């Protein structure tokens, strides 16, 4: 197996750390982005062969220079893992718009900015692989995470377009759509809007309580996700999106079946508008 160079955003925790650890174990080179000295110290102790670089994905104007310097220091990147992101939980009516803007800045604009720094390099080299970490929340929705689902739906659609545009140049793009995994997504990493409208209590309070109770006990194993990602990036014909986790599989299948029924039920009115 030929060693590849990975560029992983948000490499110090969650999926980013798991993928970095697995890639290094498999003999690949890894460049991982961090945002603090504490994260650098953690990675230098846990993954001493990882090349840690400072990069805030929302510092859009600096990303091109960071990528250019990374490739100059550590060689051409073969695989971009666009992993940096976080979850927002809150009833839509209660959640301030600045929280939505921050969610999209990180999960959408940050991911796109990093991808755009690599696309010309991959295009010119006629090779490369972009893995955009979305979520099953980019294909289905649940009450209480409107901003998160909105950001992941956006990245999901952008990934599909990116895939079509880069395919003629031999560049692969896959949206990675995990279900529930044992990470800090629902723990310290999640931003939660303060409750303010009691009329939503009966709908939302059980959802929030169930999510907090399940935290740390999710079925998904991040180490197995990392193994799956390594299999994915070695594939010659990767899929447009890859669901990971039986919960994601079941929920997305159910949504697609329901959508097909909806389309069939309203087909007559749909076609009525043709001139």
C-alpha atoms as a PDB file:
ATOM      1  CA  UNK A   1       0.000   0.000   0.000  1.00  0.00           C
ATOM      2  CA  UNK A   2       1.358   3.384  -1.039  1.00  0.00           C
ATOM      3  CA  UNK A   3       1.565   5.839   1.844  1.00  0.00           C
ATOM      4  CA  UNK A   4      -0.636   8.882   1.448  1.00  0.00           C
ATOM      5  CA  UNK A   5      -0.549  12.291   3.065  1.00  0.00           C
ATOM      6  CA  UNK A   6      -3.731  13.228   4.922  1.00  0.00           C
ATOM      7  CA  UNK A   7      -4.824  16.740   5.880  1.00  0.00           C
ATOM      8  CA  UNK A   8      -7.359  16.464   8.700  1.00  0.00           C
ATOM      9  CA  UNK A   9      -9.183  19.435  10.160  1.00  0.00           C
ATOM     10  CA  UNK A  10     -10.085  19.203  13.839  1.00  0.00           C
ATOM     11  CA  UNK A  11      -7.536  16.447  14.437  1.00  0.00           C
ATOM     12  CA  UNK A  12      -7.327  16.628  18.226  1.00  0.00           C
ATOM     13  CA  UNK A  13     -10.677  15.041  19.094  1.00  0.00           C
ATOM     14  CA  UNK A  14     -13.585  12.938  17.884  1.00  0.00           C
ATOM     15  CA  UNK A  15     -13.539  11.581  14.372  1.00  0.00           C
ATOM     16  CA  UNK A  16     -10.529  13.704  13.448  1.00  0.00           C
ATOM     17  CA  UNK A  17      -8.360  12.146  16.132  1.00  0.00           C
ATOM     18  CA  UNK A  18      -9.596   8.623  15.386  1.00  0.00           C
ATOM     19  CA  UNK A  19      -8.872   8.969  11.652  1.00  0.00           C
ATOM     20  CA  UNK A  20      -5.463  10.526  12.318  1.00  0.00           C
ATOM     21  CA  UNK A  21      -4.527   7.722  14.691  1.00  0.00           C
ATOM     22  CA  UNK A  22      -5.645   5.023  12.247  1.00  0.00           C
ATOM     23  CA  UNK A  23      -3.889   6.650   9.294  1.00  0.00           C
ATOM     24  CA  UNK A  24      -0.610   6.941  11.191  1.00  0.00           C
ATOM     25  CA  UNK A  25      -0.889   3.330  12.342  1.00  0.00           C
ATOM     26  CA  UNK A  26      -1.361   2.283   8.713  1.00  0.00           C
ATOM     27  CA  UNK A  27       1.844   4.067   7.699  1.00  0.00           C
ATOM     28  CA  UNK A  28       0.378   7.239   6.221  1.00  0.00           C
ATOM     29  CA  UNK A  29       1.550  10.795   6.838  1.00  0.00           C
ATOM     30  CA  UNK A  30      -0.865  13.089   8.665  1.00  0.00           C
ATOM     31  CA  UNK A  31      -1.148  16.853   8.907  1.00  0.00           C
ATOM     32  CA  UNK A  32      -3.704  17.806  11.527  1.00  0.00           C
ATOM     33  CA  UNK A  33      -5.178  21.202  12.273  1.00  0.00           C
ATOM     34  CA  UNK A  34      -5.514  22.495  15.825  1.00  0.00           C
ATOM     35  CA  UNK A  35      -6.607  25.756  17.450  1.00  0.00           C
ATOM     36  CA  UNK A  36      -4.732  25.810  20.771  1.00  0.00           C
ATOM     37  CA  UNK A  37      -1.419  25.040  22.425  1.00  0.00           C
ATOM     38  CA  UNK A  38      -3.247  22.589  24.633  1.00  0.00           C
ATOM     39  CA  UNK A  39      -4.321  20.636  21.561  1.00  0.00           C
ATOM     40  CA  UNK A  40      -0.753  20.685  20.240  1.00  0.00           C
ATOM     41  CA  UNK A  41       0.577  19.304  23.523  1.00  0.00           C
ATOM     42  CA  UNK A  42      -2.098  16.605  23.560  1.00  0.00           C
ATOM     43  CA  UNK A  43      -1.289  15.485  20.023  1.00  0.00           C
ATOM     44  CA  UNK A  44       2.473  15.600  20.525  1.00  0.00           C
ATOM     45  CA  UNK A  45       2.018  13.190  23.406  1.00  0.00           C
ATOM     46  CA  UNK A  46      -0.608  10.895  21.865  1.00  0.00           C
ATOM     47  CA  UNK A  47       0.372  11.063  18.178  1.00  0.00           C
ATOM     48  CA  UNK A  48       3.996  12.245  18.044  1.00  0.00           C
ATOM     49  CA  UNK A  49       4.349  11.559  14.291  1.00  0.00           C
ATOM     50  CA  UNK A  50       1.433  13.851  13.429  1.00  0.00           C
ATOM     51  CA  UNK A  51       2.311  17.271  11.988  1.00  0.00           C
ATOM     52  CA  UNK A  52       0.133  19.682  13.949  1.00  0.00           C
ATOM     53  CA  UNK A  53      -0.566  23.105  12.444  1.00  0.00           C
ATOM     54  CA  UNK A  54      -2.674  25.982  13.700  1.00  0.00           C
ATOM     55  CA  UNK A  55      -5.768  26.639  11.617  1.00  0.00           C
ATOM     56  CA  UNK A  56      -9.162  28.063  12.489  1.00  0.00           C
ATOM     57  CA  UNK A  57     -11.406  27.105   9.575  1.00  0.00           C
ATOM     58  CA  UNK A  58     -13.401  30.318  10.049  1.00  0.00           C
ATOM     59  CA  UNK A  59     -10.300  32.443   9.437  1.00  0.00           C
ATOM     60  CA  UNK A  60     -11.097  32.243   5.740  1.00  0.00           C
ATOM     61  CA  UNK A  61      -8.450  34.642   4.438  1.00  0.00           C
ATOM     62  CA  UNK A  62      -5.594  32.674   6.022  1.00  0.00           C
ATOM     63  CA  UNK A  63      -6.519  29.170   4.858  1.00  0.00           C
ATOM     64  CA  UNK A  64      -4.862  29.332   1.439  1.00  0.00           C
ATOM     65  CA  UNK A  65      -1.556  30.390   3.002  1.00  0.00           C
ATOM     66  CA  UNK A  66      -1.794  27.687   5.667  1.00  0.00           C
ATOM     67  CA  UNK A  67      -2.374  24.994   3.044  1.00  0.00           C
ATOM     68  CA  UNK A  68       0.432  26.307   0.863  1.00  0.00           C
ATOM     69  CA  UNK A  69       2.853  26.233   3.799  1.00  0.00           C
ATOM     70  CA  UNK A  70       1.688  22.769   4.884  1.00  0.00           C
ATOM     71  CA  UNK A  71       2.415  21.307   1.459  1.00  0.00           C
ATOM     72  CA  UNK A  72       5.749  23.104   1.304  1.00  0.00           C
ATOM     73  CA  UNK A  73       6.734  21.668   4.696  1.00  0.00           C
ATOM     74  CA  UNK A  74       5.265  18.166   4.494  1.00  0.00           C
ATOM     75  CA  UNK A  75       4.672  17.395   0.821  1.00  0.00           C
ATOM     76  CA  UNK A  76       1.631  17.223  -1.460  1.00  0.00           C
ATOM     77  CA  UNK A  77      -1.606  16.237   0.243  1.00  0.00           C
ATOM     78  CA  UNK A  78      -3.502  13.257  -1.182  1.00  0.00           C
ATOM     79  CA  UNK A  79      -6.528  13.148   1.109  1.00  0.00           C
ATOM     80  CA  UNK A  80      -8.460  16.008   2.695  1.00  0.00           C
ATOM     81  CA  UNK A  81     -10.642  15.027   5.647  1.00  0.00           C
ATOM     82  CA  UNK A  82     -12.941  18.014   6.198  1.00  0.00           C
ATOM     83  CA  UNK A  83     -13.873  17.079   9.752  1.00  0.00           C
ATOM     84  CA  UNK A  84     -13.927  20.286  11.803  1.00  0.00           C
ATOM     85  CA  UNK A  85     -17.414  21.069  13.025  1.00  0.00           C
ATOM     86  CA  UNK A  86     -19.745  21.021  15.996  1.00  0.00           C
ATOM     87  CA  UNK A  87     -23.382  20.507  16.889  1.00  0.00           C
ATOM     88  CA  UNK A  88     -25.961  23.098  17.891  1.00  0.00           C
ATOM     89  CA  UNK A  89     -29.053  22.111  19.833  1.00  0.00           C
ATOM     90  CA  UNK A  90     -32.031  24.374  20.331  1.00  0.00           C
ATOM     91  CA  UNK A  91     -35.651  24.979  19.396  1.00  0.00           C
ATOM     92  CA  UNK A  92     -35.654  27.042  16.209  1.00  0.00           C
ATOM     93  CA  UNK A  93     -37.874  29.817  17.578  1.00  0.00           C
ATOM     94  CA  UNK A  94     -35.673  30.152  20.656  1.00  0.00           C
ATOM     95  CA  UNK A  95     -32.284  30.030  18.907  1.00  0.00           C
ATOM     96  CA  UNK A  96     -30.683  33.419  18.066  1.00  0.00           C
ATOM     97  CA  UNK A  97     -29.587  33.989  14.483  1.00  0.00           C
ATOM     98  CA  UNK A  98     -25.936  34.626  15.452  1.00  0.00           C
ATOM     99  CA  UNK A  99     -25.822  31.022  16.672  1.00  0.00           C
ATOM    100  CA  UNK A 100     -26.963  29.897  13.241  1.00  0.00           C
ATOM    101  CA  UNK A 101     -24.356  32.068  11.556  1.00  0.00           C
ATOM    102  CA  UNK A 102     -21.602  30.596  13.715  1.00  0.00           C
ATOM    103  CA  UNK A 103     -22.867  27.069  12.965  1.00  0.00           C
ATOM    104  CA  UNK A 104     -22.716  27.722   9.227  1.00  0.00           C
ATOM    105  CA  UNK A 105     -19.369  29.529   9.441  1.00  0.00           C
ATOM    106  CA  UNK A 106     -17.748  26.424  10.900  1.00  0.00           C
ATOM    107  CA  UNK A 107     -19.699  23.559   9.359  1.00  0.00           C
ATOM    108  CA  UNK A 108     -20.255  24.979   5.873  1.00  0.00           C
ATOM    109  CA  UNK A 109     -18.116  27.997   5.029  1.00  0.00           C
ATOM    110  CA  UNK A 110     -15.084  26.619   6.867  1.00  0.00           C
ATOM    111  CA  UNK A 111     -15.316  23.253   5.136  1.00  0.00           C
ATOM    112  CA  UNK A 112     -15.784  24.883   1.742  1.00  0.00           C
ATOM    113  CA  UNK A 113     -12.898  27.299   2.315  1.00  0.00           C
ATOM    114  CA  UNK A 114     -10.531  24.444   3.130  1.00  0.00           C
ATOM    115  CA  UNK A 115     -11.761  22.406   0.161  1.00  0.00           C
ATOM    116  CA  UNK A 116     -11.302  25.376  -2.177  1.00  0.00           C
ATOM    117  CA  UNK A 117      -7.682  25.683  -1.076  1.00  0.00           C
ATOM    118  CA  UNK A 118      -7.070  22.078  -2.151  1.00  0.00           C
ATOM    119  CA  UNK A 119      -9.221  21.776  -5.289  1.00  0.00           C
ATOM    120  CA  UNK A 120      -6.806  23.572  -7.655  1.00  0.00           C
ATOM    121  CA  UNK A 121      -3.925  21.474  -6.334  1.00  0.00           C
ATOM    122  CA  UNK A 122      -5.859  18.239  -6.756  1.00  0.00           C
ATOM    123  CA  UNK A 123      -7.079  19.313 -10.200  1.00  0.00           C
ATOM    124  CA  UNK A 124      -3.590  20.153 -11.409  1.00  0.00           C
ATOM    125  CA  UNK A 125      -2.198  16.877 -10.052  1.00  0.00           C
ATOM    126  CA  UNK A 126      -5.154  14.932 -11.507  1.00  0.00           C
ATOM    127  CA  UNK A 127      -5.574  13.114  -8.208  1.00  0.00           C
ATOM    128  CA  UNK A 128      -6.861  13.653  -4.709  1.00  0.00           C
ATOM    129  CA  UNK A 129      -9.704  12.724  -2.412  1.00  0.00           C
ATOM    130  CA  UNK A 130     -12.001  15.051  -0.481  1.00  0.00           C
ATOM    131  CA  UNK A 131     -13.978  13.529   2.384  1.00  0.00           C
ATOM    132  CA  UNK A 132     -16.524  16.020   3.710  1.00  0.00           C
ATOM    133  CA  UNK A 133     -17.836  14.869   7.076  1.00  0.00           C
ATOM    134  CA  UNK A 134     -21.541  15.650   7.051  1.00  0.00           C
ATOM    135  CA  UNK A 135     -23.950  13.542   9.127  1.00  0.00           C
ATOM    136  CA  UNK A 136     -27.095  11.476   8.888  1.00  0.00           C
ATOM    137  CA  UNK A 137     -28.438  14.917   9.890  1.00  0.00           C
ATOM    138  CA  UNK A 138     -27.571  16.019   6.368  1.00  0.00           C
ATOM    139  CA  UNK A 139     -30.124  13.554   5.002  1.00  0.00           C
ATOM    140  CA  UNK A 140     -32.781  13.444   7.738  1.00  0.00           C
ATOM    141  CA  UNK A 141     -34.011  15.927  10.327  1.00  0.00           C
ATOM    142  CA  UNK A 142     -34.929  15.836  14.003  1.00  0.00           C
ATOM    143  CA  UNK A 143     -36.622  18.476  16.181  1.00  0.00           C
ATOM    144  CA  UNK A 144     -34.186  20.629  18.113  1.00  0.00           C
ATOM    145  CA  UNK A 145     -31.216  20.618  15.751  1.00  0.00           C
ATOM    146  CA  UNK A 146     -32.439  22.833  12.894  1.00  0.00           C
ATOM    147  CA  UNK A 147     -29.228  24.840  12.585  1.00  0.00           C
ATOM    148  CA  UNK A 148     -27.087  21.702  12.646  1.00  0.00           C
ATOM    149  CA  UNK A 149     -29.220  19.844  10.098  1.00  0.00           C
ATOM    150  CA  UNK A 150     -29.349  22.941   7.916  1.00  0.00           C
ATOM    151  CA  UNK A 151     -25.561  23.187   7.888  1.00  0.00           C
ATOM    152  CA  UNK A 152     -25.128  19.491   7.117  1.00  0.00           C
ATOM    153  CA  UNK A 153     -27.792  19.526   4.387  1.00  0.00           C
ATOM    154  CA  UNK A 154     -25.884  22.438   2.833  1.00  0.00           C
ATOM    155  CA  UNK A 155     -22.547  20.625   2.940  1.00  0.00           C
ATOM    156  CA  UNK A 156     -24.203  17.473   1.605  1.00  0.00           C
ATOM    157  CA  UNK A 157     -25.468  19.311  -1.467  1.00  0.00           C
ATOM    158  CA  UNK A 158     -22.206  21.147  -1.989  1.00  0.00           C
ATOM    159  CA  UNK A 159     -20.334  17.843  -1.794  1.00  0.00           C
ATOM    160  CA  UNK A 160     -22.465  16.334  -4.561  1.00  0.00           C
ATOM    161  CA  UNK A 161     -21.790  19.295  -6.842  1.00  0.00           C
ATOM    162  CA  UNK A 162     -18.096  19.250  -5.935  1.00  0.00           C
ATOM    163  CA  UNK A 163     -17.971  15.553  -6.827  1.00  0.00           C
ATOM    164  CA  UNK A 164     -19.470  16.166 -10.273  1.00  0.00           C
ATOM    165  CA  UNK A 165     -17.181  19.100 -10.999  1.00  0.00           C
ATOM    166  CA  UNK A 166     -13.984  17.340  -9.904  1.00  0.00           C
ATOM    167  CA  UNK A 167     -14.674  13.917 -11.453  1.00  0.00           C
ATOM    168  CA  UNK A 168     -13.220  14.848 -14.891  1.00  0.00           C
ATOM    169  CA  UNK A 169      -9.891  15.544 -13.171  1.00  0.00           C
ATOM    170  CA  UNK A 170      -9.630  12.217 -11.366  1.00  0.00           C
ATOM    171  CA  UNK A 171     -10.492  13.748  -7.990  1.00  0.00           C
ATOM    172  CA  UNK A 172     -12.883  11.860  -5.703  1.00  0.00           C
ATOM    173  CA  UNK A 173     -15.369  13.528  -3.348  1.00  0.00           C
ATOM    174  CA  UNK A 174     -17.443  11.630  -0.790  1.00  0.00           C
ATOM    175  CA  UNK A 175     -19.764  12.933   1.907  1.00  0.00           C
ATOM    176  CA  UNK A 176     -19.301  10.880   5.069  1.00  0.00           C
ATOM    177  CA  UNK A 177     -22.645  10.569   6.880  1.00  0.00           C
ATOM    178  CA  UNK A 178     -22.206   9.114  10.387  1.00  0.00           C
ATOM    179  CA  UNK A 179     -25.027   8.251  12.732  1.00  0.00           C
ATOM    180  CA  UNK A 180     -24.592   8.377  16.513  1.00  0.00           C
ATOM    181  CA  UNK A 181     -21.033   7.678  17.664  1.00  0.00           C
ATOM    182  CA  UNK A 182     -19.230   7.806  20.975  1.00  0.00           C
ATOM    183  CA  UNK A 183     -17.687  11.251  20.536  1.00  0.00           C
ATOM    184  CA  UNK A 184     -18.176  14.572  22.323  1.00  0.00           C
ATOM    185  CA  UNK A 185     -20.660  15.807  19.686  1.00  0.00           C
ATOM    186  CA  UNK A 186     -23.501  15.616  22.208  1.00  0.00           C
ATOM    187  CA  UNK A 187     -21.228  16.457  25.147  1.00  0.00           C
ATOM    188  CA  UNK A 188     -18.784  19.292  25.662  1.00  0.00           C
ATOM    189  CA  UNK A 189     -18.613  20.087  21.925  1.00  0.00           C
ATOM    190  CA  UNK A 190     -22.309  20.890  21.585  1.00  0.00           C
ATOM    191  CA  UNK A 191     -23.642  24.429  21.875  1.00  0.00           C
ATOM    192  CA  UNK A 192     -27.062  24.464  23.543  1.00  0.00           C
ATOM    193  CA  UNK A 193     -29.466  27.378  23.348  1.00  0.00           C
ATOM    194  CA  UNK A 194     -31.063  28.288  26.653  1.00  0.00           C
ATOM    195  CA  UNK A 195     -34.732  27.330  26.902  1.00  0.00           C
ATOM    196  CA  UNK A 196     -37.198  30.217  27.038  1.00  0.00           C
ATOM    197  CA  UNK A 197     -40.651  29.145  25.738  1.00  0.00           C
ATOM    198  CA  UNK A 198     -42.416  26.605  27.938  1.00  0.00           C
ATOM    199  CA  UNK A 199     -44.874  25.628  25.207  1.00  0.00           C
ATOM    200  CA  UNK A 200     -42.074  23.575  23.648  1.00  0.00           C
ATOM    201  CA  UNK A 201     -41.319  21.656  26.841  1.00  0.00           C
ATOM    202  CA  UNK A 202     -43.376  18.576  26.025  1.00  0.00           C
ATOM    203  CA  UNK A 203     -41.784  18.245  22.581  1.00  0.00           C
ATOM    204  CA  UNK A 204     -38.197  19.169  23.250  1.00  0.00           C
ATOM    205  CA  UNK A 205     -37.343  18.348  26.860  1.00  0.00           C
ATOM    206  CA  UNK A 206     -37.610  14.557  26.335  1.00  0.00           C
ATOM    207  CA  UNK A 207     -35.405  14.828  23.229  1.00  0.00           C
ATOM    208  CA  UNK A 208     -32.715  16.764  25.091  1.00  0.00           C
ATOM    209  CA  UNK A 209     -32.883  14.405  28.088  1.00  0.00           C
ATOM    210  CA  UNK A 210     -32.654  11.305  25.881  1.00  0.00           C
ATOM    211  CA  UNK A 211     -29.662  12.712  23.998  1.00  0.00           C
ATOM    212  CA  UNK A 212     -27.808  13.533  27.213  1.00  0.00           C
ATOM    213  CA  UNK A 213     -28.634  10.126  28.703  1.00  0.00           C
ATOM    214  CA  UNK A 214     -27.362   8.355  25.582  1.00  0.00           C
ATOM    215  CA  UNK A 215     -24.115  10.354  25.473  1.00  0.00           C
ATOM    216  CA  UNK A 216     -21.158   8.004  25.750  1.00  0.00           C
ATOM    217  CA  UNK A 217     -23.323   4.948  25.144  1.00  0.00           C
ATOM    218  CA  UNK A 218     -23.906   5.368  21.407  1.00  0.00           C
ATOM    219  CA  UNK A 219     -23.565   2.284  19.235  1.00  0.00           C
ATOM    220  CA  UNK A 220     -21.011   3.819  16.875  1.00  0.00           C
ATOM    221  CA  UNK A 221     -17.310   3.168  17.526  1.00  0.00           C
ATOM    222  CA  UNK A 222     -15.043   6.020  16.286  1.00  0.00           C
ATOM    223  CA  UNK A 223     -12.139   3.595  15.775  1.00  0.00           C
ATOM    224  CA  UNK A 224     -14.240   1.503  13.415  1.00  0.00           C
ATOM    225  CA  UNK A 225     -15.321   4.659  11.600  1.00  0.00           C
ATOM    226  CA  UNK A 226     -11.647   5.482  11.108  1.00  0.00           C
ATOM    227  CA  UNK A 227     -11.017   2.019   9.676  1.00  0.00           C
ATOM    228  CA  UNK A 228     -13.949   2.514   7.307  1.00  0.00           C
ATOM    229  CA  UNK A 229     -12.519   5.849   6.154  1.00  0.00           C
ATOM    230  CA  UNK A 230      -9.183   4.206   5.315  1.00  0.00           C
ATOM    231  CA  UNK A 231     -11.027   1.595   3.248  1.00  0.00           C
ATOM    232  CA  UNK A 232     -13.000   4.383   1.554  1.00  0.00           C
ATOM    233  CA  UNK A 233      -9.991   6.461   0.520  1.00  0.00           C
ATOM    234  CA  UNK A 234      -8.280   3.424  -0.993  1.00  0.00           C
ATOM    235  CA  UNK A 235     -11.339   2.670  -3.140  1.00  0.00           C
ATOM    236  CA  UNK A 236     -11.113   3.267  -6.869  1.00  0.00           C
ATOM    237  CA  UNK A 237     -14.853   3.878  -7.163  1.00  0.00           C
ATOM    238  CA  UNK A 238     -16.021   5.553  -3.936  1.00  0.00           C
ATOM    239  CA  UNK A 239     -19.687   6.450  -3.424  1.00  0.00           C
ATOM    240  CA  UNK A 240     -21.110   9.991  -3.449  1.00  0.00           C
ATOM    241  CA  UNK A 241     -22.049   9.487   0.212  1.00  0.00           C
ATOM    242  CA  UNK A 242     -21.255   6.796   2.733  1.00  0.00           C
ATOM    243  CA  UNK A 243     -23.586   6.158   5.646  1.00  0.00           C
ATOM    244  CA  UNK A 244     -21.841   4.870   8.762  1.00  0.00           C
ATOM    245  CA  UNK A 245     -23.819   3.219  11.533  1.00  0.00           C
ATOM    246  CA  UNK A 246     -26.906   1.026  11.520  1.00  0.00           C
ATOM    247  CA  UNK A 247     -28.971   3.859  13.013  1.00  0.00           C
ATOM    248  CA  UNK A 248     -28.090   6.118  10.091  1.00  0.00           C
ATOM    249  CA  UNK A 249     -28.943   3.320   7.679  1.00  0.00           C
ATOM    250  CA  UNK A 250     -32.359   2.704   9.221  1.00  0.00           C
ATOM    251  CA  UNK A 251     -33.342   6.349   9.594  1.00  0.00           C
ATOM    252  CA  UNK A 252     -32.242   7.378   6.108  1.00  0.00           C
ATOM    253  CA  UNK A 253     -33.956   4.378   4.514  1.00  0.00           C
ATOM    254  CA  UNK A 254     -37.168   5.265   6.371  1.00  0.00           C
ATOM    255  CA  UNK A 255     -36.968   8.885   5.191  1.00  0.00           C
ATOM    256  CA  UNK A 256     -36.385   7.879   1.572  1.00  0.00           C
ATOM    257  CA  UNK A 257     -39.340   5.498   1.650  1.00  0.00           C
ATOM    258  CA  UNK A 258     -41.549   8.189   3.202  1.00  0.00           C
ATOM    259  CA  UNK A 259     -40.384  10.714   0.605  1.00  0.00           C
ATOM    260  CA  UNK A 260     -41.226   8.328  -2.221  1.00  0.00           C
ATOM    261  CA  UNK A 261     -44.733   7.886  -0.783  1.00  0.00           C
ATOM    262  CA  UNK A 262     -45.124  11.665  -0.515  1.00  0.00           C
ATOM    263  CA  UNK A 263     -44.039  12.118  -4.129  1.00  0.00           C
ATOM    264  CA  UNK A 264     -46.478   9.488  -5.337  1.00  0.00           C
ATOM    265  CA  UNK A 265     -49.358  10.850  -3.235  1.00  0.00           C
ATOM    266  CA  UNK A 266     -48.932  14.359  -4.623  1.00  0.00           C
ATOM    267  CA  UNK A 267     -47.905  13.433  -8.172  1.00  0.00           C
ATOM    268  CA  UNK A 268     -51.094  14.791  -9.746  1.00  0.00           C
ATOM    269  CA  UNK A 269     -50.667  18.250  -8.233  1.00  0.00           C
ATOM    270  CA  UNK A 270     -46.945  18.191  -8.998  1.00  0.00           C
ATOM    271  CA  UNK A 271     -47.608  17.664 -12.706  1.00  0.00           C
ATOM    272  CA  UNK A 272     -50.551  20.084 -12.765  1.00  0.00           C
ATOM    273  CA  UNK A 273     -48.163  23.037 -13.063  1.00  0.00           C
ATOM    274  CA  UNK A 274     -46.736  21.934 -16.418  1.00  0.00           C
ATOM    275  CA  UNK A 275     -47.805  24.348 -19.131  1.00  0.00           C
END
